[in-house]
Amino acid sequence: MKKTLKIFVPLLLLFIVVFYFWASAPNYSESDYYYTKAFDSEINYSSKDTLRIMTYNMGYLSGMTNNKAVDRTKDLFDSNLDNLQGLLRDLKVDVCCFQEIDFHSKRSYFVDQLEEIAEENEYPYYAKVINWDKKYIPFPYWPPSQQFGEVLSGQAIVSEFLVLKNDRIVLAQADNPFYYNAFYLDRLAQVNLLHLGDKKLLVINVHLEAWDARAREEQANQLIGLYNQYKEQYPVLIVGDFNSTPSNAADPYMEEETIKKIMSLDGIRSAISDSLYMTNESAFFTFNSIEPYIKIDFIFYDENKIEVIKSRVVEEAGEISDHLPVLADIVILD
């Protein structure tokens, strides 16, 4: 027995070490983690007076099954993709910023969701950044068979306007054990500069930490730095899933300063203003999509250079995702 253990234990340890390094290793090089595409060789410098902007954590089209240990059929993803395509057509969105979009993942049947959305809706430009590139993710905890298979996911923008810049900024990491972070996604700010004919617009598309308020506050500090870097040169939008509720929310997600920090920036306002939000909080909740109870998705803008004409939560998106999108019509000021 002792002899068997002497052989078995080192072999087990070797297996664990080899598996850890294999499972946590990426499938792609870091140079592949950001990419911009134009469908036309002829550059479109189209210009419009009013732009329709949307931000949407689309939960890789898994609907309310996101983050649940359940089997998902391809029909679910196909149906949700069709519904999203129709939503974008009906709303006539000029620029849409996505979070939790899959580019080539087993969990969503290896469909490049960004490519499908851009082609079907004839967006001439898109840009993506990858925040999750793994062969194995130890979730759901059961059954283990669902933990294996490539995941390639991240954030993206589809645009009617030429994308001049697509930067991938890695934000502060949550305070997790090293072996947890080895399989965890990067939290990113995707920085895109759009050419609007005679004007330009800088869009910062974010997906902040979900579970660690301290990390979110540090990520907010990084966003403040990005805003200050660009605010003099360009009109700036900061959009996405902030995993944090408004500072005046009646029932905050956590006691923290994330949104308060962002709103303290000179000129920064929420497209859904605080005063409007307080008239009827529940009308502006973005999570979850079946029984919304908190607002964690935002469009922030620089009021010195941008005017918001109207804004709302897109309730008709339904259960395409576990989030609801936020929509705003904006004008770039002269």
Protein backbone atom coordinates (compact mmCIF):
# COMPACT_ATOMS: atom_id res chain seq x y z
CA MET A 1 0.00 0.00 0.00
CA LYS A 2 2.76 2.45 0.97
CA LYS A 3 4.62 1.64 -2.23
CA THR A 4 1.47 2.27 -4.27
CA LEU A 5 0.95 5.63 -2.57
CA LYS A 6 4.56 6.62 -3.22
CA ILE A 7 3.94 6.11 -6.92
CA PHE A 8 0.36 7.41 -7.05
CA VAL A 9 0.81 10.71 -5.17
CA PRO A 10 3.64 12.09 -7.37
CA LEU A 11 1.74 11.04 -10.48
CA LEU A 12 -1.40 12.76 -9.22
CA LEU A 13 0.54 15.94 -8.44
CA LEU A 14 2.16 15.82 -11.87
CA PHE A 15 -1.26 15.40 -13.50
CA ILE A 16 -2.67 18.36 -11.54
CA VAL A 17 0.26 20.61 -12.52
CA VAL A 18 0.13 19.60 -16.20
CA PHE A 19 -3.65 19.98 -16.30
CA TYR A 20 -3.50 23.40 -14.63
CA PHE A 21 -1.03 24.77 -17.16
CA TRP A 22 -2.86 23.19 -20.10
CA ALA A 23 -6.32 24.32 -18.98
CA SER A 24 -5.33 27.89 -18.09
CA ALA A 25 -3.25 28.44 -21.25
CA PRO A 26 -4.80 30.61 -23.99
CA ASN A 27 -5.70 29.33 -27.44
CA TYR A 28 -4.61 32.52 -29.19
CA SER A 29 -1.73 34.97 -28.97
CA GLU A 30 -2.30 38.34 -27.31
CA SER A 31 -1.89 40.06 -30.67
CA ASP A 32 -5.20 38.42 -31.67
CA TYR A 33 -7.04 39.93 -28.70
CA TYR A 34 -8.13 43.05 -30.58
CA TYR A 35 -9.35 43.25 -34.14
CA THR A 36 -11.08 45.75 -36.44
CA LYS A 37 -12.91 44.88 -39.65
CA ALA A 38 -14.39 46.86 -42.52
CA PHE A 39 -16.72 44.93 -44.83
CA ASP A 40 -16.15 47.41 -47.66
CA SER A 41 -12.88 48.45 -49.22
CA GLU A 42 -14.51 51.83 -49.88
CA ILE A 43 -14.35 53.81 -46.65
CA ASN A 44 -17.67 55.20 -45.46
CA TYR A 45 -17.33 58.67 -43.95
CA SER A 46 -21.09 59.00 -43.43
CA SER A 47 -22.26 61.83 -41.22
CA LYS A 48 -25.55 62.20 -39.35
CA ASP A 49 -26.95 64.92 -37.13
CA THR A 50 -28.44 62.50 -34.59
CA LEU A 51 -26.79 59.20 -33.64
CA ARG A 52 -28.55 56.28 -32.01
CA ILE A 53 -26.28 54.53 -29.51
CA MET A 54 -27.02 51.31 -27.66
CA THR A 55 -25.15 49.32 -25.02
CA TYR A 56 -26.06 45.69 -24.44
CA ASN A 57 -24.66 42.93 -22.27
CA MET A 58 -26.03 40.20 -24.52
CA GLY A 59 -24.96 37.32 -22.25
CA TYR A 60 -23.68 35.44 -25.34
CA LEU A 61 -27.38 35.05 -26.34
CA SER A 62 -28.04 32.56 -23.53
CA GLY A 63 -31.02 34.48 -22.17
CA MET A 64 -31.92 33.86 -18.56
CA THR A 65 -29.83 30.67 -18.55
CA ASN A 66 -26.64 32.77 -18.30
CA ASN A 67 -24.49 31.69 -15.35
CA LYS A 68 -26.71 28.67 -14.74
CA ALA A 69 -25.66 25.02 -14.86
CA VAL A 70 -28.11 23.95 -17.55
CA ASP A 71 -27.93 22.39 -20.98
CA ARG A 72 -28.66 24.84 -23.78
CA THR A 73 -29.87 23.89 -27.24
CA LYS A 74 -28.65 25.44 -30.46
CA ASP A 75 -32.25 26.43 -31.10
CA LEU A 76 -32.09 28.75 -28.06
CA PHE A 77 -29.08 30.60 -29.48
CA ASP A 78 -30.47 30.70 -33.02
CA SER A 79 -33.78 32.10 -31.79
CA ASN A 80 -32.11 34.74 -29.62
CA LEU A 81 -29.79 35.74 -32.46
CA ASP A 82 -32.79 36.17 -34.79
CA ASN A 83 -34.54 38.26 -32.15
CA LEU A 84 -31.47 40.45 -31.68
CA GLN A 85 -31.12 40.96 -35.44
CA GLY A 86 -34.74 42.07 -35.61
CA LEU A 87 -34.31 44.37 -32.62
CA LEU A 88 -31.35 46.16 -34.21
CA ARG A 89 -33.24 46.54 -37.47
CA ASP A 90 -36.35 47.89 -35.78
CA LEU A 91 -34.43 50.34 -33.60
CA LYS A 92 -32.11 51.45 -36.43
CA VAL A 93 -29.11 51.56 -34.09
CA ASP A 94 -26.08 53.38 -35.54
CA VAL A 95 -23.54 52.19 -32.98
CA CYS A 96 -24.04 49.24 -30.63
CA CYS A 97 -21.58 48.29 -27.90
CA PHE A 98 -21.77 44.69 -26.72
CA GLN A 99 -20.48 42.95 -23.63
CA GLU A 100 -20.39 39.15 -23.17
CA ILE A 101 -20.38 38.41 -26.88
CA ASP A 102 -18.95 35.09 -28.10
CA PHE A 103 -16.61 34.88 -31.07
CA HIS A 104 -15.91 31.13 -31.12
CA SER A 105 -17.10 29.20 -28.08
CA LYS A 106 -18.34 25.70 -27.46
CA ARG A 107 -21.04 27.00 -25.12
CA SER A 108 -22.67 28.93 -28.01
CA TYR A 109 -22.04 26.28 -30.68
CA PHE A 110 -18.95 28.00 -32.14
CA VAL A 111 -20.94 30.76 -33.83
CA ASP A 112 -19.10 34.06 -34.30
CA GLN A 113 -21.92 36.19 -32.94
CA LEU A 114 -20.25 39.47 -33.89
CA GLU A 115 -19.75 38.43 -37.52
CA GLU A 116 -23.37 37.26 -37.76
CA ILE A 117 -24.73 40.52 -36.29
CA ALA A 118 -22.57 42.75 -38.48
CA GLU A 119 -23.29 40.90 -41.71
CA GLU A 120 -27.05 40.48 -41.19
CA ASN A 121 -27.57 44.13 -40.27
CA GLU A 122 -25.07 45.40 -42.84
CA TYR A 123 -22.89 47.28 -40.39
CA PRO A 124 -19.87 48.27 -42.48
CA TYR A 125 -17.49 48.29 -39.49
CA TYR A 126 -16.91 46.36 -36.32
CA ALA A 127 -14.21 46.05 -33.69
CA LYS A 128 -13.70 43.48 -30.95
CA VAL A 129 -11.52 42.85 -27.93
CA ILE A 130 -11.15 39.45 -26.26
CA ASN A 131 -11.37 39.08 -22.50
CA TRP A 132 -11.81 35.32 -22.14
CA ASP A 133 -9.70 32.79 -24.01
CA LYS A 134 -9.69 29.39 -22.32
CA LYS A 135 -9.80 25.68 -23.04
CA TYR A 136 -11.47 24.91 -19.74
CA ILE A 137 -13.55 26.90 -17.24
CA PRO A 138 -14.39 25.32 -13.86
CA PHE A 139 -18.01 26.46 -14.02
CA PRO A 140 -20.68 25.23 -13.68
CA TYR A 141 -19.38 23.18 -10.79
CA TRP A 142 -21.48 20.24 -11.93
CA PRO A 143 -21.50 18.38 -14.24
CA PRO A 144 -17.76 18.52 -15.02
CA SER A 145 -18.43 17.59 -18.66
CA GLN A 146 -19.77 21.13 -19.23
CA GLN A 147 -16.50 22.67 -18.08
CA PHE A 148 -14.49 21.55 -21.11
CA GLY A 149 -14.46 23.28 -24.47
CA GLU A 150 -13.06 26.43 -25.98
CA VAL A 151 -14.36 29.81 -24.82
CA LEU A 152 -13.49 32.90 -26.86
CA SER A 153 -15.52 35.86 -25.69
CA GLY A 154 -15.28 39.58 -25.03
CA GLN A 155 -16.59 43.01 -25.97
CA ALA A 156 -17.37 44.50 -29.37
CA ILE A 157 -18.81 47.40 -31.29
CA VAL A 158 -20.74 47.43 -34.57
CA SER A 159 -20.84 50.78 -36.30
CA GLU A 160 -22.17 52.67 -39.29
CA PHE A 161 -19.02 54.79 -39.00
CA LEU A 162 -15.37 54.08 -39.66
CA VAL A 163 -13.54 52.76 -36.58
CA LEU A 164 -10.24 54.64 -36.45
CA LYS A 165 -9.00 53.19 -33.16
CA ASN A 166 -9.59 50.00 -31.17
CA ASP A 167 -7.58 49.77 -27.96
CA ARG A 168 -7.82 46.97 -25.40
CA ILE A 169 -7.22 48.29 -21.87
CA VAL A 170 -6.98 45.67 -19.11
CA LEU A 171 -8.56 46.92 -15.90
CA ALA A 172 -7.67 46.14 -12.29
CA GLN A 173 -8.08 42.52 -11.29
CA ALA A 174 -10.32 41.33 -8.46
CA ASP A 175 -8.59 40.10 -5.31
CA ASN A 176 -9.01 36.38 -6.02
CA PRO A 177 -6.61 33.47 -5.44
CA PHE A 178 -4.14 33.02 -8.30
CA TYR A 179 -5.71 29.73 -9.36
CA TYR A 180 -9.13 31.44 -9.62
CA ASN A 181 -7.82 34.33 -11.70
CA ALA A 182 -6.00 31.85 -13.97
CA PHE A 183 -9.39 30.79 -15.34
CA TYR A 184 -11.19 34.13 -14.90
CA LEU A 185 -11.90 36.69 -17.58
CA ASP A 186 -10.04 39.99 -17.95
CA ARG A 187 -12.11 43.06 -17.19
CA LEU A 188 -11.63 45.48 -20.08
CA ALA A 189 -12.21 48.95 -21.40
CA GLN A 190 -12.53 48.88 -25.19
CA VAL A 191 -11.58 52.31 -26.53
CA ASN A 192 -12.95 53.11 -30.01
CA LEU A 193 -12.55 56.31 -32.01
CA LEU A 194 -15.28 56.73 -34.64
CA HIS A 195 -15.09 58.93 -37.72
CA LEU A 196 -18.39 60.80 -38.09
CA GLY A 197 -17.68 62.70 -41.27
CA ASP A 198 -16.61 66.14 -40.09
CA LYS A 199 -16.56 65.06 -36.42
CA LYS A 200 -15.19 62.26 -34.27
CA LEU A 201 -16.55 60.40 -31.24
CA LEU A 202 -14.62 58.42 -28.64
CA VAL A 203 -16.51 55.49 -27.14
CA ILE A 204 -15.26 53.61 -24.07
CA ASN A 205 -17.06 50.26 -23.85
CA VAL A 206 -16.66 48.58 -20.45
CA HIS A 207 -17.56 45.45 -18.52
CA LEU A 208 -16.60 45.98 -14.90
CA GLU A 209 -15.98 43.42 -12.17
CA ALA A 210 -19.13 41.64 -10.94
CA TRP A 211 -18.25 40.38 -7.47
CA ASP A 212 -15.63 42.67 -5.92
CA ALA A 213 -16.65 46.27 -5.09
CA ARG A 214 -13.07 47.31 -4.30
CA ALA A 215 -11.93 46.18 -7.75
CA ARG A 216 -14.82 48.05 -9.39
CA GLU A 217 -13.84 51.26 -7.61
CA GLU A 218 -10.26 50.86 -8.82
CA GLN A 219 -11.55 50.21 -12.33
CA ALA A 220 -13.61 53.42 -12.05
CA ASN A 221 -10.38 55.27 -11.24
CA GLN A 222 -8.85 53.86 -14.43
CA LEU A 223 -11.87 55.04 -16.44
CA ILE A 224 -11.43 58.49 -14.94
CA GLY A 225 -7.85 58.47 -16.22
CA LEU A 226 -9.00 57.43 -19.70
CA TYR A 227 -11.67 60.12 -19.77
CA ASN A 228 -9.21 62.81 -18.72
CA GLN A 229 -6.79 61.59 -21.40
CA TYR A 230 -9.30 62.14 -24.23
CA LYS A 231 -11.87 64.72 -23.05
CA GLU A 232 -10.08 67.77 -24.44
CA GLN A 233 -9.69 66.27 -27.90
CA TYR A 234 -12.94 64.35 -28.43
CA PRO A 235 -16.55 64.08 -27.27
CA VAL A 236 -16.57 61.00 -25.03
CA LEU A 237 -19.11 58.29 -24.20
CA ILE A 238 -18.49 55.74 -21.43
CA VAL A 239 -20.94 52.87 -21.83
CA GLY A 240 -21.48 49.30 -20.76
CA ASP A 241 -22.15 46.94 -17.89
CA PHE A 242 -20.82 48.58 -14.72
CA ASN A 243 -22.14 45.90 -12.33
CA SER A 244 -22.94 48.79 -9.99
CA THR A 245 -26.14 50.66 -9.20
CA PRO A 246 -26.72 54.44 -9.30
CA SER A 247 -25.43 56.26 -6.22
CA ASN A 248 -28.99 57.36 -5.40
CA ALA A 249 -30.54 53.89 -5.83
CA ALA A 250 -33.05 52.99 -3.14
CA ASP A 251 -31.63 49.46 -2.97
CA PRO A 252 -27.95 49.56 -4.03
CA TYR A 253 -26.28 46.38 -5.27
CA MET A 254 -23.36 47.02 -2.88
CA GLU A 255 -22.19 49.93 -0.77
CA GLU A 256 -19.53 51.43 -3.01
CA GLU A 257 -18.37 54.54 -4.87
CA THR A 258 -18.09 53.26 -8.46
CA ILE A 259 -20.88 55.26 -10.13
CA LYS A 260 -20.38 58.22 -7.80
CA LYS A 261 -16.73 58.43 -8.91
CA ILE A 262 -17.69 58.46 -12.59
CA MET A 263 -20.49 60.97 -12.09
CA SER A 264 -18.07 63.28 -10.24
CA LEU A 265 -16.14 63.87 -13.48
CA ASP A 266 -16.45 67.35 -14.90
CA GLY A 267 -19.23 67.34 -17.51
CA ILE A 268 -20.14 63.66 -17.18
CA ARG A 269 -23.85 62.90 -17.03
CA SER A 270 -25.96 59.78 -17.34
CA ALA A 271 -28.15 59.52 -20.45
CA ILE A 272 -30.93 58.50 -18.07
CA SER A 273 -30.58 61.42 -15.69
CA ASP A 274 -30.71 61.06 -11.92
CA SER A 275 -33.88 63.14 -11.78
CA LEU A 276 -35.58 60.99 -14.41
CA TYR A 277 -34.38 57.80 -12.75
CA MET A 278 -35.83 58.87 -9.40
CA THR A 279 -39.28 59.51 -10.88
CA ASN A 280 -39.71 55.76 -11.37
CA GLU A 281 -36.67 53.60 -10.61
CA SER A 282 -38.20 50.35 -11.82
CA ALA A 283 -38.76 51.78 -15.32
CA PHE A 284 -34.97 51.98 -15.76
CA PHE A 285 -33.83 48.69 -14.26
CA THR A 286 -31.65 46.67 -16.64
CA PHE A 287 -31.17 43.39 -14.76
CA ASN A 288 -32.57 40.86 -14.95
CA SER A 289 -34.57 40.78 -18.14
CA ILE A 290 -37.54 38.80 -16.84
CA GLU A 291 -38.05 40.53 -13.47
CA PRO A 292 -35.80 43.62 -13.49
CA TYR A 293 -34.76 44.79 -10.03
CA ILE A 294 -31.56 46.86 -10.44
CA LYS A 295 -29.92 49.24 -12.92
CA ILE A 296 -26.32 48.27 -13.69
CA ASP A 297 -25.99 49.23 -17.39
CA PHE A 298 -25.30 52.86 -18.33
CA ILE A 299 -24.54 55.37 -21.05
CA PHE A 300 -22.47 58.26 -19.67
CA TYR A 301 -21.68 61.29 -21.83
CA ASP A 302 -19.79 64.59 -21.73
CA GLU A 303 -22.48 67.27 -21.67
CA ASN A 304 -19.96 69.89 -22.84
CA LYS A 305 -19.70 68.17 -26.24
CA ILE A 306 -22.72 65.87 -26.47
CA GLU A 307 -26.45 66.44 -26.10
CA VAL A 308 -28.82 63.57 -25.31
CA ILE A 309 -32.15 63.98 -27.12
CA LYS A 310 -33.86 60.98 -25.55
CA SER A 311 -32.95 57.74 -23.80
CA ARG A 312 -34.60 54.63 -22.42
CA VAL A 313 -34.22 51.01 -21.39
CA VAL A 314 -35.17 48.71 -24.27
CA GLU A 315 -37.72 46.51 -22.53
CA GLU A 316 -38.82 44.90 -25.80
CA ALA A 317 -35.46 43.10 -25.96
CA GLY A 318 -37.05 40.54 -23.65
CA GLU A 319 -35.06 37.44 -22.78
CA ILE A 320 -32.41 37.58 -25.51
CA SER A 321 -30.02 38.13 -22.58
CA ASP A 322 -30.32 38.34 -18.80
CA HIS A 323 -29.75 42.11 -19.22
CA LEU A 324 -31.81 44.75 -20.99
CA PRO A 325 -30.10 47.25 -23.34
CA VAL A 326 -29.89 51.02 -22.84
CA LEU A 327 -30.56 53.25 -25.85
CA ALA A 328 -29.83 56.96 -26.40
CA ASP A 329 -30.19 59.40 -29.28
CA ILE A 330 -27.34 61.92 -29.16
CA VAL A 331 -26.10 64.97 -31.02
CA ILE A 332 -22.43 65.95 -31.17
CA LEU A 333 -22.24 69.66 -30.36
CA ASP A 334 -20.22 72.08 -32.47
